């Protein structure tokens, strides 16, 4: 709130969502996902599994990605 450095602001997500180094001075990365048409069935299935496991959907999706990157997933993209 008290920081008034214009150069610092230029590197914020809110100023440049394509190429940023921080969000409100916190080291954070965002990924917005959208499912449409036939993809909605995948979203509904993922949401249902997350709810059954009592895990928030964003955490569940991050775990799927983490497992894939670590090679714990058998499926290739």
C-alpha atoms as a PDB file:
ATOM      1  CA  UNK A   1       0.000   0.000   0.000  1.00  0.00           C
ATOM      2  CA  UNK A   2       2.802   2.407   0.855  1.00  0.00           C
ATOM      3  CA  UNK A   3       5.085   1.376  -2.030  1.00  0.00           C
ATOM      4  CA  UNK A   4       4.962   3.967  -4.826  1.00  0.00           C
ATOM      5  CA  UNK A   5       7.640   2.632  -7.208  1.00  0.00           C
ATOM      6  CA  UNK A   6       6.239   2.790 -10.769  1.00  0.00           C
ATOM      7  CA  UNK A   7       8.875   0.326 -12.037  1.00  0.00           C
ATOM      8  CA  UNK A   8       7.833  -2.181  -9.386  1.00  0.00           C
ATOM      9  CA  UNK A   9       4.200  -1.716 -10.413  1.00  0.00           C
ATOM     10  CA  UNK A  10       5.031  -2.446 -14.068  1.00  0.00           C
ATOM     11  CA  UNK A  11       6.074  -5.971 -13.094  1.00  0.00           C
ATOM     12  CA  UNK A  12       2.856  -6.725 -11.206  1.00  0.00           C
ATOM     13  CA  UNK A  13       0.223  -9.142 -12.544  1.00  0.00           C
ATOM     14  CA  UNK A  14      -2.384  -6.397 -12.434  1.00  0.00           C
ATOM     15  CA  UNK A  15      -0.294  -4.201 -14.747  1.00  0.00           C
ATOM     16  CA  UNK A  16       0.919  -6.978 -17.041  1.00  0.00           C
ATOM     17  CA  UNK A  17      -0.864 -10.348 -16.678  1.00  0.00           C
ATOM     18  CA  UNK A  18       1.190 -11.861 -19.532  1.00  0.00           C
ATOM     19  CA  UNK A  19       4.639 -11.157 -18.101  1.00  0.00           C
ATOM     20  CA  UNK A  20       4.790 -10.443 -14.379  1.00  0.00           C
ATOM     21  CA  UNK A  21       7.074 -11.212 -11.464  1.00  0.00           C
ATOM     22  CA  UNK A  22       4.681 -10.704  -8.565  1.00  0.00           C
ATOM     23  CA  UNK A  23       1.076 -10.101  -7.550  1.00  0.00           C
ATOM     24  CA  UNK A  24       0.747  -7.260  -5.059  1.00  0.00           C
ATOM     25  CA  UNK A  25       4.406  -7.786  -4.082  1.00  0.00           C
ATOM     26  CA  UNK A  26       3.930 -11.501  -3.363  1.00  0.00           C
ATOM     27  CA  UNK A  27       5.696 -14.157  -5.424  1.00  0.00           C
ATOM     28  CA  UNK A  28       2.630 -15.806  -6.941  1.00  0.00           C
ATOM     29  CA  UNK A  29       1.740 -17.325 -10.310  1.00  0.00           C
ATOM     30  CA  UNK A  30      -1.793 -17.533 -11.662  1.00  0.00           C
ATOM     31  CA  UNK A  31      -3.385 -19.862 -14.155  1.00  0.00           C
ATOM     32  CA  UNK A  32      -6.964 -19.315 -15.232  1.00  0.00           C
ATOM     33  CA  UNK A  33      -8.585 -22.352 -16.832  1.00  0.00           C
ATOM     34  CA  UNK A  34     -11.768 -22.399 -18.845  1.00  0.00           C
ATOM     35  CA  UNK A  35     -13.722 -25.453 -19.912  1.00  0.00           C
ATOM     36  CA  UNK A  36     -16.256 -25.148 -22.730  1.00  0.00           C
ATOM     37  CA  UNK A  37     -18.621 -27.327 -24.703  1.00  0.00           C
ATOM     38  CA  UNK A  38     -17.452 -30.981 -24.590  1.00  0.00           C
ATOM     39  CA  UNK A  39     -14.746 -30.119 -22.016  1.00  0.00           C
ATOM     40  CA  UNK A  40     -17.382 -29.325 -19.394  1.00  0.00           C
ATOM     41  CA  UNK A  41     -17.828 -33.041 -18.735  1.00  0.00           C
ATOM     42  CA  UNK A  42     -14.149 -33.206 -17.691  1.00  0.00           C
ATOM     43  CA  UNK A  43     -14.641 -30.254 -15.361  1.00  0.00           C
ATOM     44  CA  UNK A  44     -17.737 -31.829 -13.799  1.00  0.00           C
ATOM     45  CA  UNK A  45     -15.887 -35.118 -13.256  1.00  0.00           C
ATOM     46  CA  UNK A  46     -12.865 -33.414 -11.700  1.00  0.00           C
ATOM     47  CA  UNK A  47     -15.095 -31.340  -9.435  1.00  0.00           C
ATOM     48  CA  UNK A  48     -17.044 -34.421  -8.334  1.00  0.00           C
ATOM     49  CA  UNK A  49     -13.853 -36.340  -7.451  1.00  0.00           C
ATOM     50  CA  UNK A  50     -12.453 -33.342  -5.552  1.00  0.00           C
ATOM     51  CA  UNK A  51     -15.698 -33.021  -3.583  1.00  0.00           C
ATOM     52  CA  UNK A  52     -15.685 -36.755  -2.765  1.00  0.00           C
ATOM     53  CA  UNK A  53     -12.091 -36.423  -1.515  1.00  0.00           C
ATOM     54  CA  UNK A  54     -13.067 -33.267   0.394  1.00  0.00           C
ATOM     55  CA  UNK A  55     -10.316 -31.295  -1.392  1.00  0.00           C
ATOM     56  CA  UNK A  56     -10.824 -27.772  -2.769  1.00  0.00           C
ATOM     57  CA  UNK A  57     -10.943 -27.918  -6.568  1.00  0.00           C
ATOM     58  CA  UNK A  58      -7.876 -25.673  -7.159  1.00  0.00           C
ATOM     59  CA  UNK A  59      -5.785 -27.840  -4.813  1.00  0.00           C
ATOM     60  CA  UNK A  60      -7.006 -30.992  -6.532  1.00  0.00           C
ATOM     61  CA  UNK A  61      -6.111 -29.676 -10.004  1.00  0.00           C
ATOM     62  CA  UNK A  62      -2.676 -28.546  -8.774  1.00  0.00           C
ATOM     63  CA  UNK A  63      -2.068 -32.057  -7.389  1.00  0.00           C
ATOM     64  CA  UNK A  64      -2.976 -33.621 -10.739  1.00  0.00           C
ATOM     65  CA  UNK A  65      -0.490 -31.316 -12.478  1.00  0.00           C
ATOM     66  CA  UNK A  66       2.187 -31.984  -9.842  1.00  0.00           C
ATOM     67  CA  UNK A  67       1.754 -35.751 -10.246  1.00  0.00           C
ATOM     68  CA  UNK A  68       2.005 -35.447 -14.016  1.00  0.00           C
ATOM     69  CA  UNK A  69       5.176 -33.339 -13.869  1.00  0.00           C
ATOM     70  CA  UNK A  70       6.758 -35.764 -11.381  1.00  0.00           C
ATOM     71  CA  UNK A  71       6.004 -38.669 -13.686  1.00  0.00           C
ATOM     72  CA  UNK A  72       3.404 -40.235 -11.402  1.00  0.00           C
ATOM     73  CA  UNK A  73       0.810 -40.032 -14.153  1.00  0.00           C
ATOM     74  CA  UNK A  74       0.696 -42.731 -16.806  1.00  0.00           C
ATOM     75  CA  UNK A  75      -1.001 -40.547 -19.409  1.00  0.00           C
ATOM     76  CA  UNK A  76       0.967 -38.386 -21.813  1.00  0.00           C
ATOM     77  CA  UNK A  77      -0.345 -35.087 -23.074  1.00  0.00           C
END
